[in-house]
Amino acid sequence: MIELLTTPIFCLAMNIYHESRGEPVQGQFAVAEVTLNRVDSPRFPDTICEVVKQSNKNGCQFSWWCDSKSDRPKDKEAWEFSLLIARAYLRYQDTISHVGDATFYHADSVAPYWSKKFHKVAKVGRHVFYRS
């Protein structure tokens, strides 16, 4: 499965799965939207897979990528749904928007230091979304 982590749909689905499975559909689309907003931003890498795997000084942009745990989806139904969301978002991204130009988010159970530096755009499910 790791070899597949070079295709855009697979990378996006993995990010949706690990970041937002169990969230409402809008929350899963919002995670996809942030991922693609990063691809479109000059501050981030130019491909979905590079965005998903990007490192920073504290580890990784998306913690699931470098948490030393298995990335293999365990919940088959949630994985299939993540693939569906990824395909739908890539096909209809020009007509689906839940968080506008947001490029950052965090769970509502935490308050990272950087959240005060950005403009809050929306809260969808258990995530808060920001733009710089």
Protein backbone atom coordinates (compact mmCIF):
# COMPACT_ATOMS: atom_id res chain seq x y z
CA MET A 1 0.00 0.00 0.00
CA ILE A 2 2.86 2.42 0.70
CA GLU A 3 3.86 2.28 -2.99
CA LEU A 4 0.45 3.74 -3.79
CA LEU A 5 1.26 6.76 -1.68
CA THR A 6 2.43 8.46 -4.85
CA THR A 7 -0.96 8.82 -6.55
CA PRO A 8 -2.95 12.00 -5.87
CA ILE A 9 -6.22 10.23 -5.08
CA PHE A 10 -4.53 7.80 -2.70
CA CYS A 11 -2.57 10.54 -0.91
CA LEU A 12 -5.67 12.70 -0.55
CA ALA A 13 -7.78 9.76 0.65
CA MET A 14 -5.13 8.83 3.22
CA ASN A 15 -5.13 12.39 4.55
CA ILE A 16 -8.93 12.47 4.70
CA TYR A 17 -8.98 9.07 6.42
CA HIS A 18 -6.38 9.87 9.06
CA GLU A 19 -7.38 13.48 9.67
CA SER A 20 -11.16 13.33 9.52
CA ARG A 21 -12.72 9.88 9.41
CA GLY A 22 -15.71 9.94 11.69
CA GLU A 23 -16.30 13.62 10.93
CA PRO A 24 -19.38 14.78 9.02
CA VAL A 25 -19.09 14.68 5.23
CA GLN A 26 -18.54 18.47 5.21
CA GLY A 27 -15.60 18.03 7.56
CA GLN A 28 -14.02 15.43 5.31
CA PHE A 29 -14.48 17.69 2.29
CA ALA A 30 -12.97 20.55 4.32
CA VAL A 31 -9.80 18.50 4.97
CA ALA A 32 -9.59 17.75 1.24
CA GLU A 33 -10.08 21.45 0.50
CA VAL A 34 -7.25 22.50 2.83
CA THR A 35 -4.96 19.93 1.24
CA LEU A 36 -5.68 21.29 -2.26
CA ASN A 37 -5.48 24.89 -1.02
CA ARG A 38 -1.96 24.10 0.10
CA VAL A 39 -1.11 22.70 -3.33
CA ASP A 40 -2.31 26.00 -4.84
CA SER A 41 -0.34 28.11 -2.33
CA PRO A 42 3.27 29.15 -3.03
CA ARG A 43 4.03 28.46 0.68
CA PHE A 44 3.58 24.71 0.25
CA PRO A 45 4.71 21.96 -2.16
CA ASP A 46 3.11 21.67 -5.59
CA THR A 47 1.53 18.21 -5.44
CA ILE A 48 -0.99 16.52 -3.18
CA CYS A 49 1.44 13.81 -2.12
CA GLU A 50 4.20 16.32 -1.35
CA VAL A 51 1.77 18.40 0.72
CA VAL A 52 0.59 15.35 2.68
CA LYS A 53 4.16 14.18 3.37
CA GLN A 54 5.66 17.62 4.07
CA SER A 55 7.87 17.92 7.15
CA ASN A 56 8.28 20.94 9.38
CA LYS A 57 10.53 21.80 12.30
CA ASN A 58 8.13 20.04 14.69
CA GLY A 59 7.71 16.87 12.64
CA CYS A 60 5.12 16.77 9.89
CA GLN A 61 2.37 19.06 8.65
CA PHE A 62 -0.08 16.20 9.19
CA SER A 63 0.82 14.27 12.32
CA TRP A 64 -0.39 10.87 11.12
CA TRP A 65 2.35 10.80 8.48
CA CYS A 66 5.23 10.74 10.97
CA ASP A 67 3.75 9.36 14.18
CA SER A 68 5.58 5.99 13.82
CA LYS A 69 2.22 4.15 13.75
CA SER A 70 0.97 2.04 10.87
CA ASP A 71 -0.72 4.14 8.20
CA ARG A 72 -2.69 1.18 6.87
CA PRO A 73 -6.41 1.97 7.17
CA LYS A 74 -8.05 -0.40 9.62
CA ASP A 75 -11.65 0.71 9.10
CA LYS A 76 -12.55 -0.57 5.62
CA GLU A 77 -15.82 1.35 5.38
CA ALA A 78 -14.18 4.64 6.44
CA TRP A 79 -11.33 4.00 3.97
CA GLU A 80 -13.74 3.39 1.08
CA PHE A 81 -15.60 6.56 2.02
CA SER A 82 -12.32 8.51 2.13
CA LEU A 83 -11.57 7.33 -1.40
CA LEU A 84 -15.05 8.41 -2.48
CA ILE A 85 -14.58 11.86 -0.93
CA ALA A 86 -11.14 12.24 -2.53
CA ARG A 87 -12.44 11.33 -5.99
CA ALA A 88 -15.48 13.59 -5.63
CA TYR A 89 -13.43 16.51 -4.37
CA LEU A 90 -10.86 16.23 -7.16
CA ARG A 91 -13.65 16.09 -9.74
CA TYR A 92 -15.85 18.86 -8.31
CA GLN A 93 -13.42 21.04 -6.37
CA ASP A 94 -14.50 24.16 -8.24
CA THR A 95 -18.05 23.75 -6.94
CA ILE A 96 -17.39 22.48 -3.39
CA SER A 97 -16.20 24.86 -0.71
CA HIS A 98 -16.65 24.63 3.03
CA VAL A 99 -13.60 26.58 4.23
CA GLY A 100 -12.73 28.97 1.38
CA ASP A 101 -9.01 29.69 1.24
CA ALA A 102 -8.10 28.00 4.54
CA THR A 103 -4.69 26.33 4.60
CA PHE A 104 -4.56 25.31 8.27
CA TYR A 105 -6.78 23.55 10.76
CA HIS A 106 -6.68 21.87 14.13
CA ALA A 107 -8.98 19.80 16.29
CA ASP A 108 -11.24 21.90 18.50
CA SER A 109 -9.83 20.10 21.54
CA VAL A 110 -6.48 21.90 21.23
CA ALA A 111 -5.30 25.50 20.81
CA PRO A 112 -1.96 25.49 18.98
CA TYR A 113 0.30 28.53 19.32
CA TRP A 114 -0.04 29.34 15.61
CA SER A 115 -3.83 29.67 15.73
CA LYS A 116 -3.55 33.20 17.10
CA LYS A 117 -1.47 34.26 14.08
CA PHE A 118 -4.12 33.30 11.51
CA HIS A 119 -7.65 34.34 10.63
CA LYS A 120 -10.34 31.85 11.67
CA VAL A 121 -12.43 30.90 8.64
CA ALA A 122 -14.83 28.24 9.89
CA LYS A 123 -15.54 25.45 12.31
CA VAL A 124 -16.68 22.25 10.65
CA GLY A 125 -17.33 19.25 12.83
CA ARG A 126 -14.52 19.03 15.39
CA HIS A 127 -12.00 21.08 13.36
CA VAL A 128 -11.31 24.80 13.27
CA PHE A 129 -10.03 26.17 9.94
CA TYR A 130 -7.74 29.18 9.31
CA ARG A 131 -6.16 31.18 6.55
CA SER A 132 -2.96 33.20 6.89
